[in-house]
N, C-alpha and C. Protein backbone atom coordinates (compact mmCIF):
# COMPACT_ATOMS: atom_id res chain seq x y z
N MET A 1 190.94 -90.87 19.31
CA MET A 1 190.57 -92.20 19.79
C MET A 1 190.63 -93.08 18.53
N PHE A 2 189.83 -92.79 17.43
CA PHE A 2 189.75 -93.65 16.17
C PHE A 2 190.52 -92.80 15.10
N SER A 3 191.25 -93.60 14.26
CA SER A 3 191.88 -92.80 13.18
C SER A 3 191.05 -92.95 11.90
N THR A 4 190.55 -94.13 11.56
CA THR A 4 189.65 -94.28 10.48
C THR A 4 188.55 -95.44 10.66
N ILE A 5 187.56 -95.48 9.93
CA ILE A 5 186.58 -96.44 9.96
C ILE A 5 186.49 -96.92 8.49
N LYS A 6 186.86 -98.30 8.16
CA LYS A 6 186.75 -98.82 6.95
C LYS A 6 185.65 -99.99 6.90
N CYS A 7 185.19 -100.23 5.77
CA CYS A 7 184.33 -101.26 5.40
C CYS A 7 185.08 -102.60 5.74
N LYS A 8 184.61 -103.57 6.53
CA LYS A 8 185.18 -104.88 6.80
C LYS A 8 185.32 -105.69 5.42
N LYS A 9 184.38 -105.62 4.50
CA LYS A 9 184.48 -106.30 3.35
C LYS A 9 185.55 -106.00 2.28
N CYS A 10 185.57 -104.65 2.02
CA CYS A 10 186.42 -104.21 0.92
C CYS A 10 187.43 -103.35 1.30
N ARG A 11 187.53 -102.87 2.55
CA ARG A 11 188.45 -102.13 3.19
C ARG A 11 188.47 -100.62 2.70
N HIS A 12 187.43 -100.25 2.13
CA HIS A 12 187.20 -98.78 1.63
C HIS A 12 186.96 -97.68 2.99
N THR A 13 187.58 -96.80 2.86
CA THR A 13 187.60 -95.76 3.97
C THR A 13 186.31 -95.18 4.00
N LEU A 14 185.46 -95.25 5.02
CA LEU A 14 184.09 -94.74 5.17
C LEU A 14 184.28 -93.34 5.90
N LEU A 15 184.98 -93.34 7.01
CA LEU A 15 185.28 -92.10 7.77
C LEU A 15 186.69 -92.01 8.00
N ASP A 16 187.19 -90.73 7.76
CA ASP A 16 188.61 -90.35 8.14
C ASP A 16 188.74 -89.88 9.54
N GLU A 17 189.97 -89.55 9.97
CA GLU A 17 190.30 -89.08 11.33
C GLU A 17 189.43 -87.92 11.72
N THR A 18 189.38 -86.92 10.93
CA THR A 18 188.58 -85.78 11.13
C THR A 18 187.11 -86.11 11.52
N GLU A 19 186.65 -86.88 10.48
CA GLU A 19 185.04 -87.17 10.65
C GLU A 19 184.96 -87.98 11.91
N CYS A 20 185.89 -88.99 12.16
CA CYS A 20 185.63 -89.78 13.42
C CYS A 20 185.49 -88.92 14.65
N GLN A 21 186.44 -87.96 14.76
CA GLN A 21 186.50 -86.99 15.88
C GLN A 21 185.21 -86.21 16.04
N SER A 22 184.62 -85.86 14.93
CA SER A 22 183.53 -84.86 14.91
C SER A 22 182.20 -85.59 14.94
N LEU A 23 182.07 -86.94 14.56
CA LEU A 23 180.74 -87.67 14.32
C LEU A 23 180.41 -88.52 15.28
N LEU A 24 181.55 -89.35 15.91
CA LEU A 24 181.19 -90.44 16.79
C LEU A 24 180.54 -90.03 18.07
N LEU A 25 179.31 -90.66 18.43
CA LEU A 25 178.63 -90.39 19.66
C LEU A 25 178.61 -91.66 20.55
N ASN A 26 178.25 -91.57 21.83
CA ASN A 26 177.89 -92.62 22.61
C ASN A 26 176.37 -92.74 22.51
N ALA A 27 175.84 -93.66 23.29
CA ALA A 27 174.33 -93.85 23.19
C ALA A 27 173.52 -92.77 23.80
N HIS A 28 174.22 -91.75 24.55
CA HIS A 28 173.60 -90.67 25.08
C HIS A 28 173.69 -89.47 24.26
N ASN A 29 174.10 -89.53 23.08
CA ASN A 29 174.14 -88.52 22.04
C ASN A 29 175.32 -87.41 22.49
N THR A 30 176.28 -87.96 23.12
CA THR A 30 177.40 -87.10 23.52
C THR A 30 178.75 -87.55 22.90
N ALA A 31 179.70 -86.85 22.83
CA ALA A 31 180.87 -87.27 22.19
C ALA A 31 181.39 -88.65 22.89
N VAL A 32 182.05 -89.31 22.08
CA VAL A 32 182.40 -90.73 22.65
C VAL A 32 183.44 -90.70 23.84
N ASN A 33 184.28 -89.53 23.85
CA ASN A 33 185.18 -89.51 24.98
C ASN A 33 184.78 -88.85 26.20
N GLU A 34 183.39 -88.40 26.07
CA GLU A 34 182.85 -87.71 27.37
C GLU A 34 182.39 -88.74 28.38
N ASP A 35 182.41 -88.55 29.56
CA ASP A 35 181.88 -89.48 30.51
C ASP A 35 180.36 -89.20 30.68
N VAL A 36 179.70 -90.33 30.80
CA VAL A 36 178.18 -90.25 30.98
C VAL A 36 178.09 -91.06 32.22
N GLU A 37 177.02 -90.48 33.03
CA GLU A 37 176.74 -91.07 34.31
C GLU A 37 175.68 -92.32 34.33
N CYS A 38 175.40 -92.74 33.10
CA CYS A 38 174.48 -93.82 33.06
C CYS A 38 175.29 -95.18 33.12
N SER A 39 174.87 -95.97 33.87
CA SER A 39 175.58 -97.21 34.09
C SER A 39 174.89 -98.34 33.15
N THR A 40 173.90 -98.02 32.43
CA THR A 40 173.20 -99.01 31.62
C THR A 40 173.86 -98.95 30.18
N ILE A 41 174.72 -98.18 29.82
CA ILE A 41 175.22 -98.09 28.62
C ILE A 41 176.13 -99.43 28.33
N THR A 42 175.44 -100.45 27.76
CA THR A 42 176.19 -101.71 27.52
C THR A 42 176.31 -102.01 26.19
N ASP A 43 175.72 -101.21 25.07
CA ASP A 43 175.71 -101.61 23.73
C ASP A 43 177.03 -101.14 23.08
N LYS A 44 177.93 -102.18 23.10
CA LYS A 44 179.24 -101.95 22.45
C LYS A 44 179.35 -102.36 21.03
N THR A 45 178.27 -102.74 20.46
CA THR A 45 178.12 -103.21 19.13
C THR A 45 177.96 -102.29 17.99
N LEU A 46 177.52 -101.05 18.41
CA LEU A 46 177.26 -99.95 17.42
C LEU A 46 178.07 -98.75 17.75
N LEU A 47 178.26 -98.20 16.59
CA LEU A 47 178.95 -96.78 16.62
C LEU A 47 178.04 -95.79 16.09
N PHE A 48 177.45 -94.82 16.96
CA PHE A 48 176.40 -93.91 16.71
C PHE A 48 177.12 -92.66 15.98
N LEU A 49 176.34 -92.17 15.02
CA LEU A 49 176.81 -90.82 14.36
C LEU A 49 176.09 -89.83 14.61
N SER A 50 176.71 -88.48 14.65
CA SER A 50 175.85 -87.26 15.00
C SER A 50 175.19 -86.89 13.72
N GLU A 51 174.01 -86.58 13.95
CA GLU A 51 173.02 -86.15 12.76
C GLU A 51 173.40 -84.79 12.30
N ASP A 52 174.02 -84.02 13.02
CA ASP A 52 174.27 -82.63 12.73
C ASP A 52 175.13 -82.34 11.47
N ASN A 53 176.11 -83.15 11.33
CA ASN A 53 177.02 -83.01 10.00
C ASN A 53 177.35 -84.30 9.54
N LEU A 54 176.31 -84.93 9.01
CA LEU A 54 176.75 -86.42 8.37
C LEU A 54 177.57 -86.29 7.20
N PRO A 55 178.41 -87.31 7.02
CA PRO A 55 178.98 -87.29 5.56
C PRO A 55 178.29 -87.43 4.48
N ASP A 56 178.54 -86.84 3.36
CA ASP A 56 177.68 -86.76 2.14
C ASP A 56 177.10 -88.19 1.82
N TRP A 57 177.84 -89.20 1.91
CA TRP A 57 177.22 -90.56 1.50
C TRP A 57 176.24 -91.02 2.43
N VAL A 58 176.32 -90.71 3.77
CA VAL A 58 175.27 -91.03 4.75
C VAL A 58 174.02 -90.23 4.46
N LYS A 59 174.17 -88.80 4.23
CA LYS A 59 173.11 -87.97 4.05
C LYS A 59 172.36 -88.26 2.91
N LYS A 60 173.15 -88.80 1.89
CA LYS A 60 172.33 -89.14 0.53
C LYS A 60 171.42 -90.40 0.74
N SER A 61 171.84 -91.30 1.49
CA SER A 61 171.13 -92.49 1.88
C SER A 61 169.99 -92.20 2.79
N VAL A 62 170.14 -91.27 3.73
CA VAL A 62 168.98 -90.89 4.54
C VAL A 62 167.98 -90.02 3.78
N GLU A 63 168.35 -89.29 2.96
CA GLU A 63 167.50 -88.39 2.17
C GLU A 63 166.78 -89.20 1.10
N GLU A 64 167.39 -90.17 0.56
CA GLU A 64 166.74 -91.24 -0.34
C GLU A 64 165.49 -91.83 0.29
N ASP A 65 165.63 -92.12 1.65
CA ASP A 65 164.47 -92.72 2.44
C ASP A 65 163.68 -91.65 3.11
N ASN A 66 163.93 -90.40 2.71
CA ASN A 66 163.00 -89.39 3.33
C ASN A 66 163.10 -89.32 4.80
N TRP A 67 164.36 -89.41 5.39
CA TRP A 67 164.59 -89.22 6.76
C TRP A 67 163.66 -90.28 7.67
N THR A 68 163.37 -91.41 7.25
CA THR A 68 162.56 -92.37 8.08
C THR A 68 163.36 -93.44 8.57
N LYS A 69 163.49 -94.70 7.79
CA LYS A 69 164.30 -95.73 8.15
C LYS A 69 164.96 -96.29 7.07
N GLY A 70 166.14 -96.97 7.25
CA GLY A 70 166.82 -97.49 6.02
C GLY A 70 168.14 -98.02 6.62
N LYS A 71 168.99 -98.65 5.55
CA LYS A 71 170.09 -99.24 5.83
C LYS A 71 171.35 -98.40 5.24
N LEU A 72 172.46 -98.59 5.88
CA LEU A 72 173.61 -97.84 5.32
C LEU A 72 174.50 -98.85 4.64
N MET A 73 174.85 -98.67 3.53
CA MET A 73 175.53 -99.52 2.55
C MET A 73 177.01 -98.87 2.24
N CYS A 74 178.06 -99.68 2.02
CA CYS A 74 179.40 -99.26 1.74
C CYS A 74 179.21 -98.58 0.28
N THR A 75 179.71 -97.42 0.22
CA THR A 75 179.66 -96.85 -1.13
C THR A 75 180.59 -97.42 -2.25
N HIS A 76 181.47 -98.47 -1.77
CA HIS A 76 182.37 -98.97 -2.81
C HIS A 76 181.81 -100.52 -3.09
N CYS A 77 181.41 -101.21 -2.12
CA CYS A 77 181.01 -102.65 -2.45
C CYS A 77 179.62 -102.95 -2.25
N GLY A 78 178.88 -102.12 -1.63
CA GLY A 78 177.52 -102.31 -1.30
C GLY A 78 177.07 -103.29 -0.12
N ALA A 79 177.96 -103.54 0.71
CA ALA A 79 177.74 -104.32 1.81
C ALA A 79 177.05 -103.46 2.90
N ARG A 80 176.25 -103.98 3.66
CA ARG A 80 175.47 -103.34 4.75
C ARG A 80 176.45 -103.23 5.91
N ILE A 81 176.51 -101.85 6.23
CA ILE A 81 177.37 -101.48 7.34
C ILE A 81 176.87 -100.84 8.49
N GLY A 82 175.43 -100.41 8.38
CA GLY A 82 174.85 -99.77 9.50
C GLY A 82 173.30 -99.52 9.16
N ALA A 83 172.79 -98.55 9.72
CA ALA A 83 171.31 -98.23 9.51
C ALA A 83 171.10 -96.94 10.20
N PHE A 84 169.79 -96.48 9.90
CA PHE A 84 169.29 -95.27 10.66
C PHE A 84 167.81 -95.44 10.79
N ASP A 85 167.31 -94.83 11.88
CA ASP A 85 165.83 -94.93 12.10
C ASP A 85 165.40 -93.53 12.90
N PHE A 86 164.90 -92.75 12.12
CA PHE A 86 164.39 -91.52 12.60
C PHE A 86 162.84 -91.53 13.15
N VAL A 87 162.15 -92.90 13.09
CA VAL A 87 160.86 -93.03 13.20
C VAL A 87 160.57 -93.47 14.71
N SER A 88 161.33 -94.56 15.20
CA SER A 88 161.16 -95.25 16.36
C SER A 88 161.45 -94.44 17.60
N GLY A 89 162.66 -93.71 17.51
CA GLY A 89 163.19 -93.10 18.79
C GLY A 89 163.40 -93.99 19.94
N ILE A 90 164.37 -95.08 19.74
CA ILE A 90 164.55 -96.03 20.83
C ILE A 90 165.32 -95.28 21.96
N LYS A 91 164.94 -95.84 23.13
CA LYS A 91 165.44 -95.21 24.29
C LYS A 91 166.58 -96.09 24.83
N CYS A 92 167.65 -95.61 25.56
CA CYS A 92 168.50 -96.22 26.33
C CYS A 92 167.70 -97.00 27.52
N ALA A 93 168.33 -97.97 28.06
CA ALA A 93 167.76 -98.73 29.08
C ALA A 93 167.56 -97.91 30.36
N CYS A 94 168.17 -96.85 30.59
CA CYS A 94 168.01 -96.14 31.72
C CYS A 94 166.77 -95.22 31.43
N GLU A 95 166.13 -95.20 30.34
CA GLU A 95 164.89 -94.48 29.94
C GLU A 95 165.16 -92.99 29.82
N GLY A 96 166.29 -92.58 30.19
CA GLY A 96 166.63 -91.05 30.21
C GLY A 96 166.94 -90.45 28.77
N PHE A 97 167.43 -91.26 27.91
CA PHE A 97 167.91 -90.68 26.60
C PHE A 97 167.43 -91.42 25.39
N VAL A 98 167.25 -90.86 24.43
CA VAL A 98 166.84 -91.53 23.00
C VAL A 98 168.18 -91.69 22.46
N LEU A 99 168.46 -92.83 21.90
CA LEU A 99 169.72 -93.30 21.16
C LEU A 99 169.72 -92.51 19.89
N PRO A 100 170.97 -92.09 19.50
CA PRO A 100 171.15 -91.41 18.23
C PRO A 100 170.57 -92.32 17.08
N SER A 101 170.03 -91.69 16.04
CA SER A 101 169.27 -92.37 14.94
C SER A 101 170.18 -92.98 13.83
N VAL A 102 171.35 -92.60 13.68
CA VAL A 102 172.22 -93.14 12.70
C VAL A 102 173.40 -93.83 13.39
N TYR A 103 173.57 -95.01 12.88
CA TYR A 103 174.67 -95.93 13.46
C TYR A 103 175.39 -96.84 12.46
N LEU A 104 176.55 -97.20 12.79
CA LEU A 104 177.39 -98.22 12.03
C LEU A 104 177.50 -99.43 12.95
N ILE A 105 177.51 -100.59 12.43
CA ILE A 105 177.60 -101.82 13.23
C ILE A 105 179.07 -102.27 13.21
N LYS A 106 179.66 -102.38 14.52
CA LYS A 106 181.07 -102.49 14.70
C LYS A 106 181.40 -103.91 13.89
N SER A 107 180.71 -104.79 13.93
CA SER A 107 181.02 -106.27 13.32
C SER A 107 181.29 -105.96 11.77
N LYS A 108 180.71 -104.96 11.23
CA LYS A 108 180.72 -104.84 9.76
C LYS A 108 181.77 -103.76 9.19
N VAL A 109 182.45 -103.21 10.32
CA VAL A 109 183.44 -102.04 9.90
C VAL A 109 184.71 -102.40 10.66
N ASP A 110 185.77 -102.03 10.07
CA ASP A 110 187.11 -102.06 10.87
C ASP A 110 187.41 -100.74 11.36
N VAL A 111 187.58 -100.60 12.67
CA VAL A 111 188.02 -99.37 13.26
C VAL A 111 189.46 -99.48 13.47
N VAL A 112 190.25 -98.52 12.69
CA VAL A 112 191.57 -98.53 12.74
C VAL A 112 192.14 -97.45 13.67
N CYS A 113 192.96 -97.82 14.62
CA CYS A 113 193.44 -96.75 15.62
C CYS A 113 194.83 -96.32 15.25
């Protein structure tokens, strides 16, 4: 589905093809390409990441903030590209699923197919 994800500001590669396939989730914490029966998934502005095998640069940011809340910055230029929130546990509008805690903001990154 996605080949790479790059910082929109400096075009630095944040996630390569292999990472995209194993990390990207939908709002119900399942792989992006899996069908989900929830009709309320309308948030197309975020790219959720799997917490199980985060890239080193994301894991470093999360660990620096003690797995609570924080922002994800581009490792090359420092632009804000996402965030994480392990405290709030925000639910999907269907109330059935908690949204994944780590995400990238689509308007801050380039998704290259």
